[in-house]
Amino acid sequence: MRKIIFTMSLTLLSLGAFAQSTADVKITSFVYTSQERKVAELCGVVSNATSTPTFVQITVDERSKRPATYNTFAGADGKFCAVVVTYYGTAIAKAL
């Protein structure tokens, strides 16, 4: 029984590796809309997407003690925008 569970676990982990996206994500604009409240609009574009719509994960203040994660979708044209709260003004985005 343990062998079956172990084999199933390895199979599921390997399938997850194949499911990762090879799409490229580029942040095209990052503009504060309210400097006092640290609110910014982040926009970008996804290229080489394998599916439509593409799921995009945005991590804000990624090197801080408390990074924030936002999720959005890129449309058929690959473009996306999100409103985020940032204290350091940094962000990274990746397609999932």
C-alpha atoms as a PDB file:
ATOM      1  CA  MET A   1       0.000   0.000   0.000  1.00  0.00           C
ATOM      2  CA  ARG A   2       2.838   2.388   0.828  1.00  0.00           C
ATOM      3  CA  LYS A   3       4.412   1.767  -2.564  1.00  0.00           C
ATOM      4  CA  ILE A   4       1.166   2.704  -4.308  1.00  0.00           C
ATOM      5  CA  ILE A   5       0.802   5.935  -2.344  1.00  0.00           C
ATOM      6  CA  PHE A   6       4.473   6.805  -2.961  1.00  0.00           C
ATOM      7  CA  THR A   7       4.115   6.111  -6.703  1.00  0.00           C
ATOM      8  CA  MET A   8       0.938   8.200  -6.911  1.00  0.00           C
ATOM      9  CA  SER A   9       2.656  11.075  -5.081  1.00  0.00           C
ATOM     10  CA  LEU A  10       5.600  11.043  -7.487  1.00  0.00           C
ATOM     11  CA  THR A  11       3.236  10.960 -10.461  1.00  0.00           C
ATOM     12  CA  LEU A  12       1.269  13.967  -9.205  1.00  0.00           C
ATOM     13  CA  LEU A  13       4.457  15.935  -8.508  1.00  0.00           C
ATOM     14  CA  SER A  14       5.831  15.220 -11.974  1.00  0.00           C
ATOM     15  CA  LEU A  15       2.541  16.256 -13.613  1.00  0.00           C
ATOM     16  CA  GLY A  16       2.736  19.582 -11.772  1.00  0.00           C
ATOM     17  CA  ALA A  17       6.154  20.222 -13.280  1.00  0.00           C
ATOM     18  CA  PHE A  18       4.767  19.780 -16.804  1.00  0.00           C
ATOM     19  CA  ALA A  19       1.810  22.064 -16.099  1.00  0.00           C
ATOM     20  CA  GLN A  20       3.957  25.133 -15.455  1.00  0.00           C
ATOM     21  CA  SER A  21       3.587  27.916 -17.961  1.00  0.00           C
ATOM     22  CA  THR A  22       6.381  28.995 -20.306  1.00  0.00           C
ATOM     23  CA  ALA A  23       4.742  32.358 -20.942  1.00  0.00           C
ATOM     24  CA  ASP A  24       6.752  35.550 -20.580  1.00  0.00           C
ATOM     25  CA  VAL A  25       5.333  38.345 -18.424  1.00  0.00           C
ATOM     26  CA  LYS A  26       6.470  41.947 -18.746  1.00  0.00           C
ATOM     27  CA  ILE A  27       5.336  44.782 -16.481  1.00  0.00           C
ATOM     28  CA  THR A  28       4.714  47.768 -18.751  1.00  0.00           C
ATOM     29  CA  SER A  29       3.583  50.384 -16.211  1.00  0.00           C
ATOM     30  CA  PHE A  30       3.691  50.823 -12.442  1.00  0.00           C
ATOM     31  CA  VAL A  31       2.154  54.128 -11.360  1.00  0.00           C
ATOM     32  CA  TYR A  32       1.118  55.355  -7.909  1.00  0.00           C
ATOM     33  CA  THR A  33      -2.503  56.496  -7.888  1.00  0.00           C
ATOM     34  CA  SER A  34      -2.405  57.579  -4.240  1.00  0.00           C
ATOM     35  CA  GLN A  35       0.995  58.261  -2.721  1.00  0.00           C
ATOM     36  CA  GLU A  36      -0.520  58.719   0.750  1.00  0.00           C
ATOM     37  CA  ARG A  37      -2.218  55.312   0.745  1.00  0.00           C
ATOM     38  CA  LYS A  38       0.527  53.553  -1.235  1.00  0.00           C
ATOM     39  CA  VAL A  39      -1.926  52.450  -3.929  1.00  0.00           C
ATOM     40  CA  ALA A  40      -0.528  51.764  -7.397  1.00  0.00           C
ATOM     41  CA  GLU A  41      -1.822  50.556 -10.740  1.00  0.00           C
ATOM     42  CA  LEU A  42       0.299  47.829 -12.291  1.00  0.00           C
ATOM     43  CA  CYS A  43      -0.192  46.836 -15.923  1.00  0.00           C
ATOM     44  CA  GLY A  44       1.610  44.333 -18.095  1.00  0.00           C
ATOM     45  CA  VAL A  45       1.486  41.981 -21.024  1.00  0.00           C
ATOM     46  CA  VAL A  46       1.861  38.213 -21.343  1.00  0.00           C
ATOM     47  CA  SER A  47       3.501  36.758 -24.441  1.00  0.00           C
ATOM     48  CA  ASN A  48       3.880  33.128 -25.548  1.00  0.00           C
ATOM     49  CA  ALA A  49       0.818  32.104 -23.527  1.00  0.00           C
ATOM     50  CA  THR A  50      -0.383  28.540 -24.007  1.00  0.00           C
ATOM     51  CA  SER A  51      -3.981  29.224 -22.963  1.00  0.00           C
ATOM     52  CA  THR A  52      -6.498  32.049 -22.889  1.00  0.00           C
ATOM     53  CA  PRO A  53      -7.170  33.622 -20.446  1.00  0.00           C
ATOM     54  CA  THR A  54      -3.792  33.384 -18.709  1.00  0.00           C
ATOM     55  CA  PHE A  55      -3.597  33.401 -14.921  1.00  0.00           C
ATOM     56  CA  VAL A  56      -1.051  35.994 -13.668  1.00  0.00           C
ATOM     57  CA  GLN A  57       0.333  36.112 -10.129  1.00  0.00           C
ATOM     58  CA  ILE A  58       1.761  39.452  -8.955  1.00  0.00           C
ATOM     59  CA  THR A  59       4.012  39.649  -5.892  1.00  0.00           C
ATOM     60  CA  VAL A  60       4.460  43.133  -4.440  1.00  0.00           C
ATOM     61  CA  ASP A  61       7.350  44.114  -2.152  1.00  0.00           C
ATOM     62  CA  GLU A  62       8.805  40.644  -2.715  1.00  0.00           C
ATOM     63  CA  ARG A  63      11.976  41.238  -0.664  1.00  0.00           C
ATOM     64  CA  SER A  64      10.222  42.695   2.355  1.00  0.00           C
ATOM     65  CA  LYS A  65       9.220  40.832   5.490  1.00  0.00           C
ATOM     66  CA  ARG A  66       5.571  40.866   4.392  1.00  0.00           C
ATOM     67  CA  PRO A  67       5.200  40.536   0.609  1.00  0.00           C
ATOM     68  CA  ALA A  68       1.685  40.638  -0.833  1.00  0.00           C
ATOM     69  CA  THR A  69       0.335  38.440  -3.616  1.00  0.00           C
ATOM     70  CA  TYR A  70      -2.343  39.504  -6.092  1.00  0.00           C
ATOM     71  CA  ASN A  71      -3.936  37.392  -8.810  1.00  0.00           C
ATOM     72  CA  THR A  72      -5.460  38.492 -12.098  1.00  0.00           C
ATOM     73  CA  PHE A  73      -6.189  37.224 -15.590  1.00  0.00           C
ATOM     74  CA  ALA A  74      -4.677  38.369 -18.874  1.00  0.00           C
ATOM     75  CA  GLY A  75      -7.167  38.557 -21.722  1.00  0.00           C
ATOM     76  CA  ALA A  76      -6.887  37.174 -25.240  1.00  0.00           C
ATOM     77  CA  ASP A  77      -4.607  40.089 -26.171  1.00  0.00           C
ATOM     78  CA  GLY A  78      -2.292  39.201 -23.251  1.00  0.00           C
ATOM     79  CA  LYS A  79      -2.824  42.481 -21.385  1.00  0.00           C
ATOM     80  CA  PHE A  80      -3.614  42.764 -17.676  1.00  0.00           C
ATOM     81  CA  CYS A  81      -3.903  45.449 -14.977  1.00  0.00           C
ATOM     82  CA  ALA A  82      -4.293  45.303 -11.207  1.00  0.00           C
ATOM     83  CA  VAL A  83      -4.545  47.790  -8.355  1.00  0.00           C
ATOM     84  CA  VAL A  84      -2.040  46.943  -5.612  1.00  0.00           C
ATOM     85  CA  VAL A  85      -0.820  48.318  -2.292  1.00  0.00           C
ATOM     86  CA  THR A  86       2.965  48.725  -2.147  1.00  0.00           C
ATOM     87  CA  TYR A  87       5.241  50.263   0.456  1.00  0.00           C
ATOM     88  CA  TYR A  88       8.533  49.812  -1.417  1.00  0.00           C
ATOM     89  CA  GLY A  89       7.337  50.249  -5.000  1.00  0.00           C
ATOM     90  CA  THR A  90       8.582  46.887  -6.261  1.00  0.00           C
ATOM     91  CA  ALA A  91       6.719  44.055  -7.951  1.00  0.00           C
ATOM     92  CA  ILE A  92       7.252  40.922  -9.995  1.00  0.00           C
ATOM     93  CA  ALA A  93       4.718  39.042 -12.106  1.00  0.00           C
ATOM     94  CA  LYS A  94       4.612  35.514 -13.475  1.00  0.00           C
ATOM     95  CA  ALA A  95       2.172  33.442 -15.487  1.00  0.00           C
ATOM     96  CA  LEU A  96       0.831  30.289 -13.910  1.00  0.00           C
END
